[in-house]
Amino acid sequence: MGIIGYFFDELPLPVGLALIFVYVFIPYLLGSINTAIIVSSTMYHDDIRKHGSGNAGFTNMMRTYGKKAAAITFAGDIGKTVLAIMVGWCVYGYLSAFIAGFACFIGHIFPVFYQFKGGKGVLCLATLVLMMDWRIFLMLLVLFVGIVWATKYISAGSVICAMVFPIVLNRINDTPWKSIELIAVLIAVIVVVKHRANLKRIFDGTESKFTFKVKSKARVTESDNTTGNSGEDSANG
């Protein structure tokens, strides 16, 4: 129900519009704070979007700068999504929390602070699913791990899990808010569209497989100059 919903059954229109700002625009602004771009700028005086796939996310950070930078990106992207959902939950409960998580997801992909060029939202989506229904999260996690283990393609795992998400949600969603299923479908479409280059490379046999090995500093520049967008880059916050 949320704090506002608990104390007030009906609200004046201006107040309702103000609350939309709270659980939509504030989470969107939180999502627009891209950890990967901040870390690459402050720690390495660089822009992660100039390397590998050009994606400002966890996997590209791992490939380019290593485990430390990737871990900070991982924590930052999860943290901002958790905060956004908590803000939304305080308004009307489950529904506004889900909308807030979606707004954060959109902000991460299209950040207003970085010319609307961000990551692909997979970590934000995973955090949203975990906080809204841990059962769905566990199902998708098992599916994701199985796909990545079998193929070594994080993008394949991300896309398939995003496509399965609305289906599973429809089957076990026990809330009265069926509108969240439409949001889940929209999320799946966005994830697939954002990974279209990865999917093309998978079908062409040119997609790089995920590994915890990191390119050396010298090889990063050389590889970026010669291969352009060949890196596999999906698991981002």
C-alpha atoms as a PDB file:
ATOM      1  CA  MET A   1       0.000   0.000   0.000  1.00  0.00           C
ATOM      2  CA  GLY A   2       2.866   2.401   0.695  1.00  0.00           C
ATOM      3  CA  ILE A   3       3.051   5.255   3.166  1.00  0.00           C
ATOM      4  CA  ILE A   4       0.896   7.644   1.125  1.00  0.00           C
ATOM      5  CA  GLY A   5      -1.643   4.983   0.221  1.00  0.00           C
ATOM      6  CA  TYR A   6      -1.906   3.912   3.853  1.00  0.00           C
ATOM      7  CA  PHE A   7      -2.884   7.342   5.155  1.00  0.00           C
ATOM      8  CA  PHE A   8      -4.885   8.691   2.201  1.00  0.00           C
ATOM      9  CA  ASP A   9      -7.599   7.000   0.145  1.00  0.00           C
ATOM     10  CA  GLU A  10      -8.017   9.917  -2.252  1.00  0.00           C
ATOM     11  CA  LEU A  11      -5.697  12.791  -3.050  1.00  0.00           C
ATOM     12  CA  PRO A  12      -6.204  16.123  -4.853  1.00  0.00           C
ATOM     13  CA  LEU A  13      -5.069  16.114  -8.470  1.00  0.00           C
ATOM     14  CA  PRO A  14      -2.068  18.438  -7.874  1.00  0.00           C
ATOM     15  CA  VAL A  15      -0.827  16.148  -5.109  1.00  0.00           C
ATOM     16  CA  GLY A  16      -1.269  13.094  -7.312  1.00  0.00           C
ATOM     17  CA  LEU A  17       0.742  14.733 -10.078  1.00  0.00           C
ATOM     18  CA  ALA A  18       3.462  15.661  -7.594  1.00  0.00           C
ATOM     19  CA  LEU A  19       3.651  12.048  -6.460  1.00  0.00           C
ATOM     20  CA  ILE A  20       4.143  10.930 -10.060  1.00  0.00           C
ATOM     21  CA  PHE A  21       7.277  13.062  -9.998  1.00  0.00           C
ATOM     22  CA  VAL A  22       8.388  11.175  -6.888  1.00  0.00           C
ATOM     23  CA  TYR A  23       7.978   7.629  -8.181  1.00  0.00           C
ATOM     24  CA  VAL A  24       8.701   8.221 -11.875  1.00  0.00           C
ATOM     25  CA  PHE A  25      11.074  11.125 -12.442  1.00  0.00           C
ATOM     26  CA  ILE A  26      13.242  10.736  -9.344  1.00  0.00           C
ATOM     27  CA  PRO A  27      13.859   7.030 -10.115  1.00  0.00           C
ATOM     28  CA  TYR A  28      14.564   7.970 -13.730  1.00  0.00           C
ATOM     29  CA  LEU A  29      17.185  10.487 -12.556  1.00  0.00           C
ATOM     30  CA  LEU A  30      18.678   7.854 -10.251  1.00  0.00           C
ATOM     31  CA  GLY A  31      18.892   5.471 -13.201  1.00  0.00           C
ATOM     32  CA  SER A  32      20.616   8.167 -15.239  1.00  0.00           C
ATOM     33  CA  ILE A  33      23.538   8.127 -12.806  1.00  0.00           C
ATOM     34  CA  ASN A  34      25.650   5.653 -14.767  1.00  0.00           C
ATOM     35  CA  THR A  35      28.210   3.965 -12.526  1.00  0.00           C
ATOM     36  CA  ALA A  36      30.321   2.647 -15.402  1.00  0.00           C
ATOM     37  CA  ILE A  37      30.794   6.098 -16.906  1.00  0.00           C
ATOM     38  CA  ILE A  38      31.580   7.631 -13.514  1.00  0.00           C
ATOM     39  CA  VAL A  39      34.110   4.924 -12.614  1.00  0.00           C
ATOM     40  CA  SER A  40      35.867   5.040 -15.979  1.00  0.00           C
ATOM     41  CA  SER A  41      36.045   8.829 -15.756  1.00  0.00           C
ATOM     42  CA  THR A  42      37.184   9.212 -12.141  1.00  0.00           C
ATOM     43  CA  MET A  43      39.447   6.176 -11.787  1.00  0.00           C
ATOM     44  CA  TYR A  44      40.896   5.909 -15.288  1.00  0.00           C
ATOM     45  CA  HIS A  45      40.318   9.398 -16.764  1.00  0.00           C
ATOM     46  CA  ASP A  46      38.639   7.673 -19.663  1.00  0.00           C
ATOM     47  CA  ASP A  47      35.194   6.926 -21.096  1.00  0.00           C
ATOM     48  CA  ILE A  48      34.113   3.284 -21.154  1.00  0.00           C
ATOM     49  CA  ARG A  49      31.936   4.081 -24.173  1.00  0.00           C
ATOM     50  CA  LYS A  50      35.118   4.522 -26.238  1.00  0.00           C
ATOM     51  CA  HIS A  51      36.187   0.911 -25.663  1.00  0.00           C
ATOM     52  CA  GLY A  52      35.021  -2.529 -26.705  1.00  0.00           C
ATOM     53  CA  SER A  53      31.342  -2.539 -27.543  1.00  0.00           C
ATOM     54  CA  GLY A  54      30.889   1.056 -26.444  1.00  0.00           C
ATOM     55  CA  ASN A  55      28.382  -0.101 -23.835  1.00  0.00           C
ATOM     56  CA  ALA A  56      28.448   1.538 -20.402  1.00  0.00           C
ATOM     57  CA  GLY A  57      27.859  -1.618 -18.407  1.00  0.00           C
ATOM     58  CA  PHE A  58      29.281  -4.356 -16.211  1.00  0.00           C
ATOM     59  CA  THR A  59      30.661  -6.707 -18.872  1.00  0.00           C
ATOM     60  CA  ASN A  60      32.419  -4.015 -20.874  1.00  0.00           C
ATOM     61  CA  MET A  61      33.918  -2.691 -17.624  1.00  0.00           C
ATOM     62  CA  MET A  62      35.159  -6.186 -16.782  1.00  0.00           C
ATOM     63  CA  ARG A  63      36.721  -6.608 -20.196  1.00  0.00           C
ATOM     64  CA  THR A  64      38.296  -3.170 -20.292  1.00  0.00           C
ATOM     65  CA  TYR A  65      39.363  -2.287 -16.734  1.00  0.00           C
ATOM     66  CA  GLY A  66      39.115  -5.480 -14.709  1.00  0.00           C
ATOM     67  CA  LYS A  67      37.336  -6.941 -11.705  1.00  0.00           C
ATOM     68  CA  LYS A  68      37.621  -3.928  -9.391  1.00  0.00           C
ATOM     69  CA  ALA A  69      35.975  -1.529 -11.809  1.00  0.00           C
ATOM     70  CA  ALA A  70      33.362  -4.139 -12.709  1.00  0.00           C
ATOM     71  CA  ALA A  71      32.573  -4.801  -9.034  1.00  0.00           C
ATOM     72  CA  ILE A  72      32.035  -1.106  -8.349  1.00  0.00           C
ATOM     73  CA  THR A  73      29.802  -0.868 -11.409  1.00  0.00           C
ATOM     74  CA  PHE A  74      27.883  -3.946 -10.276  1.00  0.00           C
ATOM     75  CA  ALA A  75      27.294  -2.529  -6.794  1.00  0.00           C
ATOM     76  CA  GLY A  76      26.426   0.947  -8.046  1.00  0.00           C
ATOM     77  CA  ASP A  77      23.862  -0.189 -10.602  1.00  0.00           C
ATOM     78  CA  ILE A  78      22.183  -2.505  -8.126  1.00  0.00           C
ATOM     79  CA  GLY A  79      22.248   0.126  -5.383  1.00  0.00           C
ATOM     80  CA  LYS A  80      20.563   2.836  -7.433  1.00  0.00           C
ATOM     81  CA  THR A  81      17.836   0.427  -8.530  1.00  0.00           C
ATOM     82  CA  VAL A  82      17.171  -0.647  -4.944  1.00  0.00           C
ATOM     83  CA  LEU A  83      16.949   2.999  -3.882  1.00  0.00           C
ATOM     84  CA  ALA A  84      14.600   3.851  -6.761  1.00  0.00           C
ATOM     85  CA  ILE A  85      12.273   0.964  -5.909  1.00  0.00           C
ATOM     86  CA  MET A  86      12.251   1.910  -2.231  1.00  0.00           C
ATOM     87  CA  VAL A  87      11.264   5.460  -3.186  1.00  0.00           C
ATOM     88  CA  GLY A  88       8.429   4.093  -5.282  1.00  0.00           C
ATOM     89  CA  TRP A  89       7.291   1.710  -2.567  1.00  0.00           C
ATOM     90  CA  CYS A  90       6.851   4.584  -0.128  1.00  0.00           C
ATOM     91  CA  VAL A  91       4.177   6.124  -2.336  1.00  0.00           C
ATOM     92  CA  TYR A  92       1.581   3.480  -3.231  1.00  0.00           C
ATOM     93  CA  GLY A  93       3.350   0.219  -2.509  1.00  0.00           C
ATOM     94  CA  TYR A  94       3.857  -2.583  -5.051  1.00  0.00           C
ATOM     95  CA  LEU A  95       2.565  -0.855  -8.182  1.00  0.00           C
ATOM     96  CA  SER A  96       4.471   2.419  -7.736  1.00  0.00           C
ATOM     97  CA  ALA A  97       7.572   0.430  -6.736  1.00  0.00           C
ATOM     98  CA  PHE A  98       7.409  -1.555  -9.978  1.00  0.00           C
ATOM     99  CA  ILE A  99       6.923   1.626 -12.000  1.00  0.00           C
ATOM    100  CA  ALA A 100       9.838   3.246 -10.153  1.00  0.00           C
ATOM    101  CA  GLY A 101      12.072   0.272 -10.976  1.00  0.00           C
ATOM    102  CA  PHE A 102      11.031   0.512 -14.621  1.00  0.00           C
ATOM    103  CA  ALA A 103      11.797   4.244 -14.630  1.00  0.00           C
ATOM    104  CA  CYS A 104      15.254   3.522 -13.209  1.00  0.00           C
ATOM    105  CA  PHE A 105      15.756   0.877 -15.909  1.00  0.00           C
ATOM    106  CA  ILE A 106      14.866   3.438 -18.592  1.00  0.00           C
ATOM    107  CA  GLY A 107      17.150   6.030 -17.002  1.00  0.00           C
ATOM    108  CA  HIS A 108      20.068   3.612 -17.072  1.00  0.00           C
ATOM    109  CA  ILE A 109      19.580   2.921 -20.780  1.00  0.00           C
ATOM    110  CA  PHE A 110      18.764   6.508 -21.767  1.00  0.00           C
ATOM    111  CA  PRO A 111      20.536   8.681 -19.146  1.00  0.00           C
ATOM    112  CA  VAL A 112      19.704  12.355 -19.335  1.00  0.00           C
ATOM    113  CA  PHE A 113      23.131  13.196 -17.876  1.00  0.00           C
ATOM    114  CA  TYR A 114      25.085  11.387 -20.626  1.00  0.00           C
ATOM    115  CA  GLN A 115      23.412  12.322 -23.915  1.00  0.00           C
ATOM    116  CA  PHE A 116      20.911   9.455 -23.479  1.00  0.00           C
ATOM    117  CA  LYS A 117      23.637   6.896 -24.205  1.00  0.00           C
ATOM    118  CA  GLY A 118      23.926   4.419 -21.339  1.00  0.00           C
ATOM    119  CA  GLY A 119      23.936   0.692 -20.699  1.00  0.00           C
ATOM    120  CA  LYS A 120      21.500  -2.081 -21.541  1.00  0.00           C
ATOM    121  CA  GLY A 121      19.746  -2.329 -18.197  1.00  0.00           C
ATOM    122  CA  VAL A 122      20.238  -6.021 -17.419  1.00  0.00           C
ATOM    123  CA  LEU A 123      21.487  -5.532 -13.858  1.00  0.00           C
ATOM    124  CA  CYS A 124      18.741  -2.988 -13.199  1.00  0.00           C
ATOM    125  CA  LEU A 125      16.185  -5.467 -14.513  1.00  0.00           C
ATOM    126  CA  ALA A 126      17.582  -8.310 -12.403  1.00  0.00           C
ATOM    127  CA  THR A 127      17.416  -6.125  -9.294  1.00  0.00           C
ATOM    128  CA  LEU A 128      13.845  -5.118 -10.095  1.00  0.00           C
ATOM    129  CA  VAL A 129      12.782  -8.746 -10.476  1.00  0.00           C
ATOM    130  CA  LEU A 130      14.531  -9.764  -7.257  1.00  0.00           C
ATOM    131  CA  MET A 131      12.887  -7.047  -5.191  1.00  0.00           C
ATOM    132  CA  MET A 132       9.421  -7.517  -6.651  1.00  0.00           C
ATOM    133  CA  ASP A 133       9.263 -11.339  -6.670  1.00  0.00           C
ATOM    134  CA  TRP A 134      12.188 -13.489  -5.523  1.00  0.00           C
ATOM    135  CA  ARG A 135      10.541 -16.619  -6.993  1.00  0.00           C
ATOM    136  CA  ILE A 136      10.724 -15.247 -10.514  1.00  0.00           C
ATOM    137  CA  PHE A 137      14.277 -14.061  -9.883  1.00  0.00           C
ATOM    138  CA  LEU A 138      15.446 -17.543  -8.868  1.00  0.00           C
ATOM    139  CA  MET A 139      13.795 -19.135 -11.917  1.00  0.00           C
ATOM    140  CA  LEU A 140      15.384 -16.635 -14.285  1.00  0.00           C
ATOM    141  CA  LEU A 141      18.739 -16.871 -12.515  1.00  0.00           C
ATOM    142  CA  VAL A 142      18.853 -20.637 -13.004  1.00  0.00           C
ATOM    143  CA  LEU A 143      17.911 -20.170 -16.668  1.00  0.00           C
ATOM    144  CA  PHE A 144      20.525 -17.423 -17.124  1.00  0.00           C
ATOM    145  CA  VAL A 145      23.349 -19.424 -15.524  1.00  0.00           C
ATOM    146  CA  GLY A 146      22.457 -22.464 -17.607  1.00  0.00           C
ATOM    147  CA  ILE A 147      22.480 -20.519 -20.876  1.00  0.00           C
ATOM    148  CA  VAL A 148      25.730 -18.690 -20.117  1.00  0.00           C
ATOM    149  CA  TRP A 149      27.397 -21.893 -18.928  1.00  0.00           C
ATOM    150  CA  ALA A 150      26.381 -23.660 -22.133  1.00  0.00           C
ATOM    151  CA  THR A 151      27.091 -20.856 -24.617  1.00  0.00           C
ATOM    152  CA  LYS A 152      29.444 -18.416 -22.833  1.00  0.00           C
ATOM    153  CA  TYR A 153      27.247 -15.639 -24.255  1.00  0.00           C
ATOM    154  CA  ILE A 154      25.908 -13.304 -21.564  1.00  0.00           C
ATOM    155  CA  SER A 155      23.858 -11.530 -24.204  1.00  0.00           C
ATOM    156  CA  ALA A 156      22.048 -14.771 -25.057  1.00  0.00           C
ATOM    157  CA  GLY A 157      21.218 -15.390 -21.408  1.00  0.00           C
ATOM    158  CA  SER A 158      20.067 -11.814 -20.929  1.00  0.00           C
ATOM    159  CA  VAL A 159      17.796 -11.745 -23.967  1.00  0.00           C
ATOM    160  CA  ILE A 160      16.191 -15.130 -23.307  1.00  0.00           C
ATOM    161  CA  CYS A 161      15.554 -14.319 -19.638  1.00  0.00           C
ATOM    162  CA  ALA A 162      14.042 -10.952 -20.562  1.00  0.00           C
ATOM    163  CA  MET A 163      11.707 -12.682 -23.035  1.00  0.00           C
ATOM    164  CA  VAL A 164      10.706 -15.332 -20.496  1.00  0.00           C
ATOM    165  CA  PHE A 165      10.112 -12.747 -17.734  1.00  0.00           C
ATOM    166  CA  PRO A 166       6.637 -11.561 -18.887  1.00  0.00           C
ATOM    167  CA  ILE A 167       5.505 -15.160 -19.378  1.00  0.00           C
ATOM    168  CA  VAL A 168       6.551 -16.258 -15.898  1.00  0.00           C
ATOM    169  CA  LEU A 169       5.130 -13.075 -14.387  1.00  0.00           C
ATOM    170  CA  ASN A 170       1.780 -13.759 -16.048  1.00  0.00           C
ATOM    171  CA  ARG A 171       1.700 -17.272 -14.627  1.00  0.00           C
ATOM    172  CA  ILE A 172       2.555 -16.506 -11.005  1.00  0.00           C
ATOM    173  CA  ASN A 173       1.683 -12.838 -10.535  1.00  0.00           C
ATOM    174  CA  ASP A 174      -0.649 -12.868  -7.544  1.00  0.00           C
ATOM    175  CA  THR A 175      -1.123  -9.096  -7.269  1.00  0.00           C
ATOM    176  CA  PRO A 176      -4.206  -7.211  -8.519  1.00  0.00           C
ATOM    177  CA  TRP A 177      -1.951  -5.016 -10.667  1.00  0.00           C
ATOM    178  CA  LYS A 178      -2.096  -6.753 -14.055  1.00  0.00           C
ATOM    179  CA  SER A 179      -0.728  -3.602 -15.703  1.00  0.00           C
ATOM    180  CA  ILE A 180       2.758  -4.605 -14.562  1.00  0.00           C
ATOM    181  CA  GLU A 181       2.595  -7.454 -17.056  1.00  0.00           C
ATOM    182  CA  LEU A 182       2.394  -4.888 -19.864  1.00  0.00           C
ATOM    183  CA  ILE A 183       5.437  -3.142 -18.421  1.00  0.00           C
ATOM    184  CA  ALA A 184       7.240  -6.504 -18.353  1.00  0.00           C
ATOM    185  CA  VAL A 185       6.483  -7.017 -22.051  1.00  0.00           C
ATOM    186  CA  LEU A 186       7.821  -3.539 -22.818  1.00  0.00           C
ATOM    187  CA  ILE A 187      10.966  -4.311 -20.811  1.00  0.00           C
ATOM    188  CA  ALA A 188      11.498  -7.503 -22.813  1.00  0.00           C
ATOM    189  CA  VAL A 189      11.128  -5.631 -26.106  1.00  0.00           C
ATOM    190  CA  ILE A 190      13.628  -2.973 -25.008  1.00  0.00           C
ATOM    191  CA  VAL A 191      16.192  -5.567 -23.906  1.00  0.00           C
ATOM    192  CA  VAL A 192      15.911  -7.437 -27.209  1.00  0.00           C
ATOM    193  CA  VAL A 193      16.227  -4.230 -29.242  1.00  0.00           C
ATOM    194  CA  LYS A 194      19.242  -3.073 -27.228  1.00  0.00           C
ATOM    195  CA  HIS A 195      20.918  -6.439 -27.872  1.00  0.00           C
ATOM    196  CA  ARG A 196      20.183  -6.612 -31.587  1.00  0.00           C
ATOM    197  CA  ALA A 197      23.865  -6.075 -32.475  1.00  0.00           C
ATOM    198  CA  ASN A 198      24.883  -8.859 -30.078  1.00  0.00           C
ATOM    199  CA  LEU A 199      22.325 -11.217 -31.585  1.00  0.00           C
ATOM    200  CA  LYS A 200      23.560 -10.469 -35.089  1.00  0.00           C
ATOM    201  CA  ARG A 201      27.139 -11.232 -34.013  1.00  0.00           C
ATOM    202  CA  ILE A 202      26.020 -14.487 -32.395  1.00  0.00           C
ATOM    203  CA  PHE A 203      24.362 -15.605 -35.633  1.00  0.00           C
ATOM    204  CA  ASP A 204      27.434 -14.475 -37.589  1.00  0.00           C
ATOM    205  CA  GLY A 205      29.740 -16.355 -35.209  1.00  0.00           C
ATOM    206  CA  THR A 206      31.710 -13.212 -34.329  1.00  0.00           C
ATOM    207  CA  GLU A 207      30.406 -12.536 -30.807  1.00  0.00           C
ATOM    208  CA  SER A 208      33.088 -12.712 -28.123  1.00  0.00           C
ATOM    209  CA  LYS A 209      32.480 -15.225 -25.354  1.00  0.00           C
ATOM    210  CA  PHE A 210      32.524 -14.057 -21.758  1.00  0.00           C
ATOM    211  CA  THR A 211      35.621 -14.688 -19.673  1.00  0.00           C
ATOM    212  CA  PHE A 212      37.014 -13.319 -16.429  1.00  0.00           C
ATOM    213  CA  LYS A 213      40.344 -12.674 -18.147  1.00  0.00           C
ATOM    214  CA  VAL A 214      41.063  -8.985 -18.702  1.00  0.00           C
ATOM    215  CA  LYS A 215      42.815  -7.388 -21.628  1.00  0.00           C
ATOM    216  CA  SER A 216      46.034  -5.574 -20.799  1.00  0.00           C
ATOM    217  CA  LYS A 217      46.020  -1.789 -20.917  1.00  0.00           C
ATOM    218  CA  ALA A 218      48.049  -1.763 -24.128  1.00  0.00           C
ATOM    219  CA  ARG A 219      45.842  -4.341 -25.795  1.00  0.00           C
ATOM    220  CA  VAL A 220      42.658  -2.466 -24.870  1.00  0.00           C
ATOM    221  CA  THR A 221      43.477   0.441 -27.168  1.00  0.00           C
ATOM    222  CA  GLU A 222      44.836  -1.789 -29.907  1.00  0.00           C
ATOM    223  CA  SER A 223      41.818  -4.081 -29.815  1.00  0.00           C
ATOM    224  CA  ASP A 224      39.352  -1.199 -29.747  1.00  0.00           C
ATOM    225  CA  ASN A 225      40.969   0.372 -32.786  1.00  0.00           C
ATOM    226  CA  THR A 226      40.925  -2.851 -34.796  1.00  0.00           C
ATOM    227  CA  THR A 227      37.720  -4.597 -33.775  1.00  0.00           C
ATOM    228  CA  GLY A 228      35.344  -1.757 -32.928  1.00  0.00           C
ATOM    229  CA  ASN A 229      32.142  -3.132 -31.512  1.00  0.00           C
ATOM    230  CA  SER A 230      32.978  -6.837 -31.424  1.00  0.00           C
ATOM    231  CA  GLY A 231      32.832  -7.280 -27.645  1.00  0.00           C
ATOM    232  CA  GLU A 232      29.982  -9.045 -25.869  1.00  0.00           C
ATOM    233  CA  ASP A 233      28.441  -6.548 -23.500  1.00  0.00           C
ATOM    234  CA  SER A 234      25.099  -7.352 -21.990  1.00  0.00           C
ATOM    235  CA  ALA A 235      25.234  -7.730 -18.221  1.00  0.00           C
ATOM    236  CA  ASN A 236      25.173  -4.135 -17.162  1.00  0.00           C
ATOM    237  CA  GLY A 237      23.443  -2.492 -14.413  1.00  0.00           C
END
